[in-house]
Protein backbone atom coordinates (compact mmCIF):
# COMPACT_ATOMS: atom_id res chain seq x y z
CA MET A 1 4.45 -3.19 22.68
CA GLY A 2 2.59 0.04 21.50
CA SER A 3 4.20 2.47 18.68
CA PRO A 4 6.97 5.18 19.62
CA SER A 5 5.65 8.60 20.44
CA LEU A 6 6.21 11.08 17.38
CA ALA A 7 7.82 13.64 19.90
CA GLY A 8 10.62 11.06 20.31
CA PHE A 9 11.44 11.72 16.66
CA GLY A 10 12.35 15.46 17.11
CA TYR A 11 9.79 16.37 14.58
CA PRO A 12 8.14 19.82 14.36
CA LEU A 13 4.61 19.61 16.43
CA VAL A 14 2.83 20.37 12.82
CA LEU A 15 3.52 17.33 11.51
CA ARG A 16 2.55 15.56 14.83
CA ASP A 17 -0.95 17.89 13.91
CA LEU A 18 -1.32 17.07 10.59
CA LEU A 19 -1.10 12.90 11.24
CA GLY A 20 -3.62 13.39 13.97
CA GLU A 21 -5.87 15.38 12.52
CA GLY A 22 -6.35 14.32 8.77
CA ILE A 23 -4.88 15.52 6.15
CA GLN A 24 -7.71 15.55 3.37
CA ASP A 25 -8.46 19.38 3.21
CA MET A 26 -4.60 19.73 2.13
CA ARG A 27 -4.30 17.08 -0.53
CA GLY A 28 -1.56 18.23 -2.95
CA SER A 29 0.07 20.38 -0.83
CA MET A 30 3.70 20.22 0.47
CA ASP A 31 2.46 19.90 3.79
CA ALA A 32 0.63 17.18 3.39
CA LYS A 33 3.23 15.14 1.34
CA VAL A 34 5.70 15.91 4.37
CA ALA A 35 3.03 14.81 6.68
CA LEU A 36 2.57 11.52 4.67
CA ALA A 37 6.24 10.96 4.21
CA PHE A 38 7.15 11.25 8.01
CA ALA A 39 4.52 8.27 8.28
CA ILE A 40 5.78 5.97 5.68
CA ALA A 41 8.95 6.70 8.06
CA HIS A 42 7.45 5.80 11.24
CA GLU A 43 5.92 2.61 9.47
CA VAL A 44 9.05 1.71 8.10
CA GLY A 45 10.82 2.44 10.99
CA ASN A 46 8.27 -0.28 13.00
CA HIS A 47 8.87 -2.85 10.48
CA LEU A 48 12.77 -2.46 10.82
CA GLY A 49 11.89 -2.66 14.69
CA GLY A 50 10.14 -5.77 14.10
CA ILE A 51 13.30 -7.10 12.02
CA ARG A 52 15.63 -6.02 14.87
CA LEU A 53 13.81 -7.61 17.52
CA GLN A 54 12.98 -11.24 15.56
CA ALA A 55 16.90 -11.25 14.61
CA HIS A 56 18.09 -10.80 18.78
CA LEU A 57 15.78 -13.68 19.28
CA LEU A 58 17.63 -16.03 16.62
CA ASP A 59 19.38 -18.99 18.32
CA ASP A 60 20.96 -21.95 17.53
CA GLU A 61 18.94 -23.72 20.28
CA LEU A 62 15.53 -22.70 17.97
CA SER A 63 14.29 -25.75 16.08
CA SER A 64 14.29 -25.83 12.43
CA ARG A 65 10.53 -24.70 12.52
CA ALA A 66 10.89 -22.03 14.83
CA LEU A 67 14.05 -20.96 12.99
CA ALA A 68 12.01 -20.83 9.47
CA SER A 69 8.86 -18.98 11.15
CA ALA A 70 11.32 -16.47 12.38
CA SER A 71 12.97 -16.04 9.16
CA VAL A 72 9.66 -15.93 7.34
CA LEU A 73 8.54 -12.88 9.46
CA ILE A 74 11.84 -11.10 8.97
CA ASP A 75 11.71 -11.91 5.19
CA ASP A 76 7.88 -10.47 5.59
CA LEU A 77 8.46 -7.17 7.36
CA ALA A 78 11.54 -6.46 4.85
CA GLY A 79 9.08 -7.03 1.93
CA ARG A 80 6.36 -4.82 3.27
CA ALA A 81 9.25 -1.71 4.00
CA GLY A 82 10.48 -1.75 0.69
CA PRO A 83 7.30 -0.53 -1.76
CA LEU A 84 6.34 2.09 0.69
CA LEU A 85 10.24 3.42 0.91
CA ALA A 86 9.66 3.21 -3.21
CA LEU A 87 6.79 5.74 -2.67
CA LEU A 88 8.66 8.90 -1.50
CA ARG A 89 10.42 9.81 -4.15
CA PRO A 90 6.94 10.19 -6.51
CA LEU A 91 5.37 11.63 -3.15
CA LEU A 92 7.24 14.27 -2.81
CA SER A 93 8.36 14.88 -6.02
CA GLU A 94 7.06 18.11 -8.00
CA ALA A 95 6.28 15.96 -11.45
CA GLY A 96 5.92 12.70 -11.78
CA ARG A 97 7.71 10.65 -15.20
CA GLY A 98 4.65 9.29 -17.90
CA ALA A 99 3.74 5.81 -18.30
CA GLY A 100 6.10 5.35 -20.94
CA GLY A 101 3.93 3.08 -23.14
CA ALA A 102 3.16 0.08 -20.61
CA ARG A 103 -0.41 -1.25 -20.69
CA TRP A 104 -2.08 -2.48 -17.74
CA GLY A 105 -2.18 -6.09 -18.17
CA GLU A 106 1.38 -5.82 -18.59
CA ILE A 107 2.00 -4.25 -14.99
CA LEU A 108 -0.69 -6.33 -13.46
CA LYS A 109 1.16 -9.64 -14.25
CA ARG A 110 4.41 -8.15 -12.85
CA VAL A 111 2.74 -7.43 -9.24
CA GLN A 112 0.49 -10.35 -9.59
CA ARG A 113 4.42 -12.52 -10.01
CA GLN A 114 5.89 -10.13 -7.04
CA VAL A 115 2.97 -10.77 -4.90
CA GLU A 116 2.99 -14.56 -5.32
CA ASP A 117 6.53 -14.78 -5.03
CA GLU A 118 6.55 -13.54 -1.78
CA GLY A 119 3.83 -15.22 -0.68
CA THR A 120 -0.19 -14.68 -0.27
CA ARG A 121 -0.38 -16.35 3.60
CA GLY A 122 -2.33 -18.71 2.14
CA VAL A 123 -5.05 -15.87 0.95
CA LEU A 124 -6.78 -16.77 -2.46
CA PHE A 125 -5.03 -14.39 -4.54
CA GLU A 126 -6.39 -13.58 -8.18
CA ILE A 127 -6.27 -10.45 -10.99
CA GLU A 128 -9.27 -10.83 -13.70
CA GLY A 129 -10.89 -8.29 -15.79
CA ASP A 130 -9.83 -6.56 -18.73
CA LEU A 131 -6.11 -7.42 -18.67
CA ASP A 132 -6.24 -7.40 -22.80
CA THR A 133 -6.77 -3.86 -22.99
CA GLU A 134 -4.04 -1.70 -24.93
CA ARG A 135 -4.74 1.37 -22.82
CA ASP A 136 -1.79 2.67 -21.31
CA VAL A 137 -1.00 3.14 -17.67
CA PRO A 138 -0.73 6.62 -15.98
CA GLU A 139 2.33 7.22 -13.72
CA LEU A 140 4.02 3.64 -14.10
CA ASP A 141 7.01 4.86 -11.72
CA TRP A 142 4.90 4.73 -8.65
CA LEU A 143 1.83 2.38 -9.54
CA HIS A 144 3.79 -0.57 -9.12
CA SER A 145 5.00 -0.03 -5.67
CA LEU A 146 1.47 1.45 -4.82
CA LEU A 147 -0.10 -1.86 -5.48
CA VAL A 148 2.60 -3.89 -4.08
CA ALA A 149 2.15 -2.01 -0.95
CA LEU A 150 -1.78 -1.62 -1.07
CA ILE A 151 -1.89 -5.92 -1.47
CA GLY A 152 0.72 -6.28 1.21
CA ALA A 153 -1.10 -4.51 3.71
CA THR A 154 -4.60 -6.50 2.89
CA LEU A 155 -2.90 -9.82 2.78
CA VAL A 156 -1.66 -9.04 6.36
CA ARG A 157 -5.62 -8.26 7.87
CA MET A 158 -6.46 -11.83 6.09
CA SER A 159 -6.40 -15.49 7.15
CA ARG A 160 -6.13 -18.74 5.02
CA LYS A 161 -9.00 -19.41 2.78
CA GLN A 162 -10.29 -15.65 2.61
CA GLU A 163 -10.01 -14.24 -1.10
CA LEU A 164 -8.74 -11.09 -2.44
CA LYS A 165 -9.59 -10.34 -5.66
CA VAL A 166 -8.14 -7.04 -8.12
CA GLN A 167 -10.55 -5.76 -10.97
CA LEU A 168 -9.45 -4.12 -13.96
CA THR A 169 -12.53 -2.00 -15.52
CA ILE A 170 -11.55 -0.13 -18.92
CA ALA A 171 -14.83 2.13 -19.37
CA PRO A 172 -15.04 4.77 -22.42
CA ARG A 173 -14.46 7.63 -19.92
CA GLU A 174 -12.14 5.78 -16.82
CA THR A 175 -9.68 3.00 -15.95
CA LEU A 176 -11.05 1.48 -12.48
CA LEU A 177 -9.37 -1.11 -10.58
CA VAL A 178 -10.73 -2.77 -7.35
CA LEU A 179 -9.39 -4.22 -4.86
CA LEU A 180 -11.97 -6.62 -2.70
CA ASP A 181 -11.58 -8.66 -0.11
CA ASP A 182 -13.15 -10.40 3.07
CA GLY A 183 -10.57 -9.86 5.82
CA THR A 184 -11.56 -7.76 8.82
CA GLU A 185 -13.25 -4.15 8.63
CA GLU A 186 -10.65 -1.65 8.72
CA ASP A 187 -11.75 2.32 9.87
CA PHE A 188 -10.38 4.24 5.96
CA ASP A 189 -12.26 7.74 6.99
CA GLU A 190 -9.16 10.47 6.07
CA GLU A 191 -8.68 11.00 9.90
CA ALA A 192 -7.69 7.50 10.89
CA ALA A 193 -4.59 6.95 12.37
CA PRO A 194 -2.16 6.72 9.19
CA ARG A 195 -0.76 3.20 9.40
CA GLY A 196 -0.80 -0.21 7.68
CA ARG A 197 -3.54 0.06 5.22
CA PRO A 198 -5.01 3.42 5.63
CA LEU A 199 -1.73 4.88 5.58
CA VAL A 200 -1.28 3.33 1.59
CA ILE A 201 -4.71 4.21 1.24
CA SER A 202 -3.66 7.77 2.00
CA ILE A 203 -0.88 7.86 -0.13
CA ALA A 204 -3.15 6.64 -3.05
CA ARG A 205 -4.85 9.52 -2.46
CA GLU A 206 -2.25 11.80 -2.96
CA LEU A 207 -0.62 10.14 -5.69
CA LEU A 208 -4.14 10.25 -7.57
CA PHE A 209 -5.35 13.78 -7.29
CA PRO A 210 -2.55 15.40 -9.42
CA THR A 211 -3.65 12.86 -12.14
CA GLY A 212 -7.52 13.68 -11.79
CA GLY A 213 -7.78 10.07 -10.15
CA ARG A 214 -9.66 9.41 -6.81
CA VAL A 215 -9.79 6.65 -4.14
CA GLU A 216 -12.97 5.21 -2.76
CA THR A 217 -13.47 3.01 -0.25
CA SER A 218 -16.76 0.91 1.18
CA ARG A 219 -17.55 -2.51 3.35
CA GLU A 220 -20.93 -4.18 2.29
CA GLY A 221 -21.98 -8.01 3.14
CA GLY A 222 -18.65 -8.72 4.70
CA VAL A 223 -16.30 -7.85 1.40
CA THR A 224 -14.40 -4.48 1.59
CA GLN A 225 -13.95 -2.53 -1.85
CA VAL A 226 -11.09 0.03 -2.34
CA ARG A 227 -11.46 1.61 -5.62
CA LEU A 228 -8.55 3.75 -7.70
CA SER A 229 -9.97 5.01 -10.79
CA TRP A 230 -8.29 7.58 -13.74
CA PRO A 231 -9.82 9.43 -16.32
CA ALA A 232 -9.08 7.13 -19.93
CA PHE A 233 -5.57 7.79 -20.13
CA GLY A 234 -3.98 6.81 -24.26
């Protein structure tokens, strides 16, 4: 089933133009933020549509296996919608809150617990690196949700026994967080359609921009790298 037409949602033509042509030249502008907010709403709407469809298919005559499978799918779709919705407020806010003294090891362990509690689809998931650092985390109010959304959008593109690693590197002048996976290749060009992992990466670019951070992607030897970096903070 194809995605609903943007025109059907009654949004101005300018938003469709922004989503179709990319927002890289307007990063930090309200037009770019509104376009991404609309893309989030559209993505979450698709998730909710999937939940509604699965709920309609539930039936007392389903086998225990089929019922469990449908329940897992509904739970998965709901879990993917939550982190995206949590990114709306920081995306549209004029000023983000500070880190509040949190450490990288603390936030990454919380992210790992949430991802593992929600399930990794049989993917081998690991967080490693300089987890004992005392360096503070920038913008704690959105970083947890961003990482959960990014990891979740990566996992859905992967199969059992494939590997997803999150590596933290603390350098003198920057903090580098790298996600490496051997899942299927995707188009991360800034003009790519804003859905799935490309959407989350676009959100990351927008959120990191005012912090002096950046997002870079690459594909080499069957491995995708998504690199988030910030100037040294704390």
